[in-house]
C-alpha cells in the first residue's frame, strides 16, 4: 500500500495529485479515487482530536503554515488514511537550523532512492558536529520527528530495538527533531530515544515539499538514499533492518 499512501497524502497537502475523484462519505471522511483504480478513505484530526471536513477546509484556507502528519491504520482489514493537522503556534515553537551553503532538497514523493541526500551541517545535543561528509563510509539511518507527533512516539520502542541490534556495526542512527534541545531533554525523561539526537532541525531545508512526519531515510556509505518512507507503517523496523543489511553487504562495511 506504500504507493497509495504517498500519492494520497501528496494530493491532500499540495493539490497536485492524479486523483480522479473525491467523494464525501460523511461529515468526517473522504474517499480518494486514483487513476489506477485504487481508493483510500481519509479522515482528519486537529492536534489529535477528530474534526469534520468542513472544519478541515476552514483550517487549510487560513493564511498560516499548519504542519500535518500522515498515518495509516488498518481497521477491520481496511486500510484508511488519517491526517493530523498541527496548530503550529500552540504546539511547537519555530525551529532554527545551522545555515548550509549550496543546500538542495528532495521530493519524497518522486522516488528519491538512488539520489544523493542533501548536504547538511547539524550539531547533536552533546555538541558533536554531524554532516553528510563526516558520516561518509557509514550507513546512516535518519528519523525526522517531533515530540508531540503521536505516530513518531509510537515508533520509538521499535527504533530503539534497531539501535541495540546494530550496536558495534558501522551504522549511525540519527534523529533530526523539530524541537529545541530543552524540549527534547524534558521529553527524554519519559521516553528514552536511543538515536543520536539533533535539535531544532527545520525539515523544509531537506524536503520540498514538506510531506509530514515521521520520515525515515537510510543512506549508504556514499550518502546515497537507499530507503525513504513517510508515516508510521507496520513492520517499519524490519524494513529499515533489511536496507541496513543490504547496504552493509553492498559496501562490505563491518
Protein backbone atom coordinates (compact mmCIF):
# COMPACT_ATOMS: atom_id res chain seq x y z
CA UNK A 1 0.00 0.00 0.00
CA UNK A 2 3.03 2.32 0.00
CA UNK A 3 2.20 3.90 -3.35
CA UNK A 4 -1.38 4.58 -2.26
CA UNK A 5 -0.31 6.23 0.97
CA UNK A 6 2.23 8.56 -0.56
CA UNK A 7 0.03 9.54 -3.51
CA UNK A 8 -3.00 10.25 -1.37
CA UNK A 9 -1.01 12.33 1.07
CA UNK A 10 0.59 14.33 -1.73
CA UNK A 11 -2.87 15.19 -3.09
CA UNK A 12 -4.29 16.24 0.23
CA UNK A 13 -1.41 18.54 1.13
CA UNK A 14 -0.46 20.06 -2.17
CA UNK A 15 -3.48 19.55 -4.51
CA UNK A 16 -1.28 18.21 -7.31
CA UNK A 17 -2.18 14.54 -7.41
CA UNK A 18 -3.55 12.18 -10.03
CA UNK A 19 -6.77 11.61 -8.08
CA UNK A 20 -9.74 11.37 -10.40
CA UNK A 21 -12.47 11.85 -7.80
CA UNK A 22 -13.13 12.79 -4.21
CA UNK A 23 -16.32 11.51 -2.64
CA UNK A 24 -17.59 12.76 0.72
CA UNK A 25 -18.69 9.67 2.64
CA UNK A 26 -19.85 11.51 5.75
CA UNK A 27 -19.14 14.64 7.77
CA UNK A 28 -15.64 13.44 8.68
CA UNK A 29 -14.45 11.09 5.93
CA UNK A 30 -13.49 11.45 2.26
CA UNK A 31 -12.88 8.75 -0.31
CA UNK A 32 -9.98 9.45 -2.70
CA UNK A 33 -10.04 7.56 -6.01
CA UNK A 34 -6.97 7.42 -8.29
CA UNK A 35 -6.37 6.79 -11.97
CA UNK A 36 -5.12 3.27 -11.30
CA UNK A 37 -8.44 2.38 -9.67
CA UNK A 38 -7.18 2.33 -6.10
CA UNK A 39 -9.11 4.12 -3.38
CA UNK A 40 -8.25 5.38 0.09
CA UNK A 41 -10.54 6.62 2.85
CA UNK A 42 -9.14 9.69 4.61
CA UNK A 43 -10.21 11.37 7.84
CA UNK A 44 -8.82 14.45 9.62
CA UNK A 45 -7.78 15.48 13.11
CA UNK A 46 -6.67 18.72 14.76
CA UNK A 47 -3.92 18.21 17.34
CA UNK A 48 -5.09 14.60 17.62
CA UNK A 49 -8.83 15.28 18.01
CA UNK A 50 -11.27 14.31 15.20
CA UNK A 51 -12.65 17.19 13.13
CA UNK A 52 -15.22 17.48 10.36
CA UNK A 53 -14.42 18.00 6.70
CA UNK A 54 -15.93 21.48 6.97
CA UNK A 55 -13.57 22.39 9.83
CA UNK A 56 -10.65 20.92 7.88
CA UNK A 57 -11.45 23.14 4.91
CA UNK A 58 -11.60 26.24 7.10
CA UNK A 59 -8.24 25.40 8.68
CA UNK A 60 -6.48 24.86 5.37
CA UNK A 61 -7.88 28.11 3.98
CA UNK A 62 -6.14 30.10 6.71
CA UNK A 63 -3.09 32.09 5.68
CA UNK A 64 -0.82 30.27 8.14
CA UNK A 65 1.54 27.31 7.97
CA UNK A 66 -0.06 24.27 9.56
CA UNK A 67 2.08 21.17 9.92
CA UNK A 68 0.44 17.89 9.03
CA UNK A 69 1.29 14.30 9.87
CA UNK A 70 0.05 11.27 7.97
CA UNK A 71 -0.67 7.88 9.48
CA UNK A 72 -2.01 4.63 8.08
CA UNK A 73 -4.40 2.45 10.03
CA UNK A 74 -5.81 -0.99 9.36
CA UNK A 75 -9.39 -1.07 10.61
CA UNK A 76 -11.30 -4.32 10.15
CA UNK A 77 -8.93 -5.33 7.34
CA UNK A 78 -9.48 -1.99 5.58
CA UNK A 79 -6.60 0.43 5.04
CA UNK A 80 -7.52 4.02 5.93
CA UNK A 81 -5.52 7.24 5.96
CA UNK A 82 -5.53 9.76 8.79
CA UNK A 83 -4.17 13.31 8.60
CA UNK A 84 -3.50 15.15 11.84
CA UNK A 85 -3.30 18.93 11.40
CA UNK A 86 -0.96 20.55 13.92
CA UNK A 87 -1.60 24.10 15.07
CA UNK A 88 1.95 25.41 14.79
CA UNK A 89 1.55 28.31 17.23
CA UNK A 90 0.16 26.17 20.03
CA UNK A 91 2.33 23.06 19.72
CA UNK A 92 5.90 23.71 18.59
CA UNK A 93 7.92 26.94 18.51
CA UNK A 94 9.78 27.93 15.35
CA UNK A 95 12.95 25.92 14.91
CA UNK A 96 16.35 27.14 13.86
CA UNK A 97 18.97 25.24 11.93
CA UNK A 98 22.59 25.98 11.23
CA UNK A 99 22.90 27.52 7.75
CA UNK A 100 24.15 25.25 4.99
CA UNK A 101 25.68 26.61 1.81
CA UNK A 102 24.62 25.12 -1.52
CA UNK A 103 21.86 23.11 0.13
CA UNK A 104 19.49 21.11 -2.05
CA UNK A 105 16.21 19.39 -1.27
CA UNK A 106 14.49 16.14 -2.16
CA UNK A 107 10.90 15.30 -3.01
CA UNK A 108 9.98 12.14 -1.13
CA UNK A 109 7.04 11.57 -3.50
CA UNK A 110 9.30 11.34 -6.58
CA UNK A 111 11.33 8.21 -5.93
CA UNK A 112 14.39 9.70 -4.15
CA UNK A 113 16.03 6.27 -3.81
CA UNK A 114 19.35 6.25 -5.68
CA UNK A 115 19.88 10.01 -5.34
CA UNK A 116 22.36 11.78 -3.03
CA UNK A 117 20.95 13.04 0.24
CA UNK A 118 21.22 16.85 0.58
CA UNK A 119 24.22 18.32 2.34
CA UNK A 120 23.63 19.21 5.97
CA UNK A 121 25.58 20.54 8.95
CA UNK A 122 23.97 19.73 12.29
CA UNK A 123 25.15 19.59 15.89
CA UNK A 124 23.79 16.87 18.16
CA UNK A 125 22.57 17.55 21.68
CA UNK A 126 26.02 16.65 23.05
CA UNK A 127 27.79 19.21 20.87
CA UNK A 128 29.13 16.83 18.21
CA UNK A 129 29.20 18.14 14.63
CA UNK A 130 27.43 16.00 12.04
CA UNK A 131 27.38 16.29 8.26
CA UNK A 132 26.94 14.08 5.24
CA UNK A 133 30.69 14.23 4.64
CA UNK A 134 31.65 13.41 8.24
CA UNK A 135 29.42 10.34 8.11
CA UNK A 136 30.79 9.09 4.79
CA UNK A 137 31.64 5.40 4.90
CA UNK A 138 28.87 4.65 7.39
CA UNK A 139 25.30 3.52 6.87
CA UNK A 140 23.17 6.35 8.23
CA UNK A 141 19.62 5.80 9.45
CA UNK A 142 17.71 9.09 9.73
CA UNK A 143 14.44 9.80 11.53
CA UNK A 144 12.67 13.16 11.20
CA UNK A 145 10.24 13.65 14.10
CA UNK A 146 8.93 15.95 16.84
CA UNK A 147 7.83 15.40 20.42
CA UNK A 148 4.04 15.80 20.04
CA UNK A 149 3.78 13.58 16.96
CA UNK A 150 1.74 10.55 18.02
CA UNK A 151 3.00 8.18 15.29
CA UNK A 152 6.58 9.31 15.97
CA UNK A 153 6.30 8.45 19.66
CA UNK A 154 4.66 5.10 18.91
CA UNK A 155 7.68 4.06 16.83
CA UNK A 156 10.35 4.88 19.40
CA UNK A 157 10.47 1.45 21.13
CA UNK A 158 10.88 -0.26 17.74
CA UNK A 159 13.61 2.17 16.70
CA UNK A 160 15.42 1.64 20.00
CA UNK A 161 15.46 -2.09 19.25
CA UNK A 162 17.15 -1.34 15.94
CA UNK A 163 19.87 0.66 17.66
CA UNK A 164 20.55 -2.25 20.03
CA UNK A 165 20.56 -4.79 17.19
CA UNK A 166 23.29 -2.93 15.29
CA UNK A 167 25.48 -1.97 18.23
CA UNK A 168 29.13 -2.23 17.18
CA UNK A 169 28.28 -2.11 13.47
CA UNK A 170 29.23 0.69 11.10
CA UNK A 171 25.76 2.20 11.37
CA UNK A 172 24.77 5.62 12.71
CA UNK A 173 21.21 6.21 13.91
CA UNK A 174 20.47 9.92 13.79
CA UNK A 175 17.18 11.64 14.68
CA UNK A 176 16.53 15.18 13.43
CA UNK A 177 13.99 16.79 15.74
CA UNK A 178 11.96 19.92 15.08
CA UNK A 179 12.00 20.69 18.82
CA UNK A 180 14.55 22.64 20.84
CA UNK A 181 17.21 20.92 22.92
CA UNK A 182 15.36 21.89 26.10
CA UNK A 183 12.14 20.34 24.86
CA UNK A 184 13.97 17.14 23.91
CA UNK A 185 15.59 16.88 27.34
CA UNK A 186 12.19 17.05 29.00
CA UNK A 187 10.69 14.54 26.56
CA UNK A 188 13.52 12.02 27.06
CA UNK A 189 12.82 11.90 30.78
CA UNK A 190 9.66 10.00 29.90
CA UNK A 191 10.51 8.46 26.52
CA UNK A 192 14.15 7.42 26.04
CA UNK A 193 15.11 7.57 22.37
CA UNK A 194 18.44 5.85 21.58
CA UNK A 195 19.16 7.55 18.26
CA UNK A 196 21.74 10.33 18.30
CA UNK A 197 19.65 13.48 18.51
CA UNK A 198 19.98 16.77 16.65
CA UNK A 199 17.66 19.53 17.90
CA UNK A 200 15.95 22.46 16.14
CA UNK A 201 16.23 20.96 12.66
CA UNK A 202 13.97 22.51 10.03
CA UNK A 203 12.97 19.65 7.68
CA UNK A 204 11.87 22.08 4.97
CA UNK A 205 15.57 22.61 4.26
CA UNK A 206 15.76 18.93 3.35
CA UNK A 207 12.32 18.17 1.89
CA UNK A 208 10.43 20.11 -0.75
CA UNK A 209 7.52 19.80 -0.45
CA UNK A 210 7.47 19.03 3.26
CA UNK A 211 5.45 15.80 3.44
CA UNK A 212 4.77 15.42 7.17
CA UNK A 213 6.15 13.26 10.00
CA UNK A 214 7.64 10.83 10.74
CA UNK A 215 10.11 10.34 7.90
CA UNK A 216 12.64 7.51 7.71
CA UNK A 217 15.68 7.68 5.43
CA UNK A 218 18.57 5.21 5.08
CA UNK A 219 21.81 6.31 3.40
CA UNK A 220 24.57 4.01 2.23
CA UNK A 221 28.25 4.70 2.88
CA UNK A 222 28.35 7.16 -0.02
CA UNK A 223 25.44 9.27 1.20
CA UNK A 224 23.06 7.81 -1.41
CA UNK A 225 19.45 7.30 -0.40
CA UNK A 226 18.63 3.61 -0.19
CA UNK A 227 15.27 3.89 1.57
CA UNK A 228 12.78 6.72 2.09
CA UNK A 229 9.33 6.38 3.62
CA UNK A 230 6.72 8.67 5.14
CA UNK A 231 4.46 7.78 8.04
CA UNK A 232 4.33 5.09 10.68
CA UNK A 233 3.97 1.75 8.95
CA UNK A 234 3.55 -1.84 10.09
CA UNK A 235 6.92 -3.57 10.30
CA UNK A 236 8.92 -0.37 9.82
CA UNK A 237 11.80 -1.75 11.91
CA UNK A 238 12.05 -4.83 9.65
CA UNK A 239 12.02 -2.69 6.50
CA UNK A 240 14.81 -0.48 7.86
CA UNK A 241 16.83 -3.50 9.04
CA UNK A 242 16.64 -5.12 5.59
CA UNK A 243 18.01 -1.97 3.95
CA UNK A 244 20.76 -1.64 6.56
CA UNK A 245 21.84 -5.23 5.93
CA UNK A 246 21.82 -4.76 2.16
CA UNK A 247 23.82 -1.52 2.46
CA UNK A 248 26.38 -3.12 4.77
CA UNK A 249 26.76 -6.08 2.41
CA UNK A 250 26.99 -4.00 -0.75
CA UNK A 251 29.68 -1.73 0.65
CA UNK A 252 31.35 -4.54 2.63
CA UNK A 253 31.19 -2.40 5.77
CA UNK A 254 31.80 -4.25 9.05
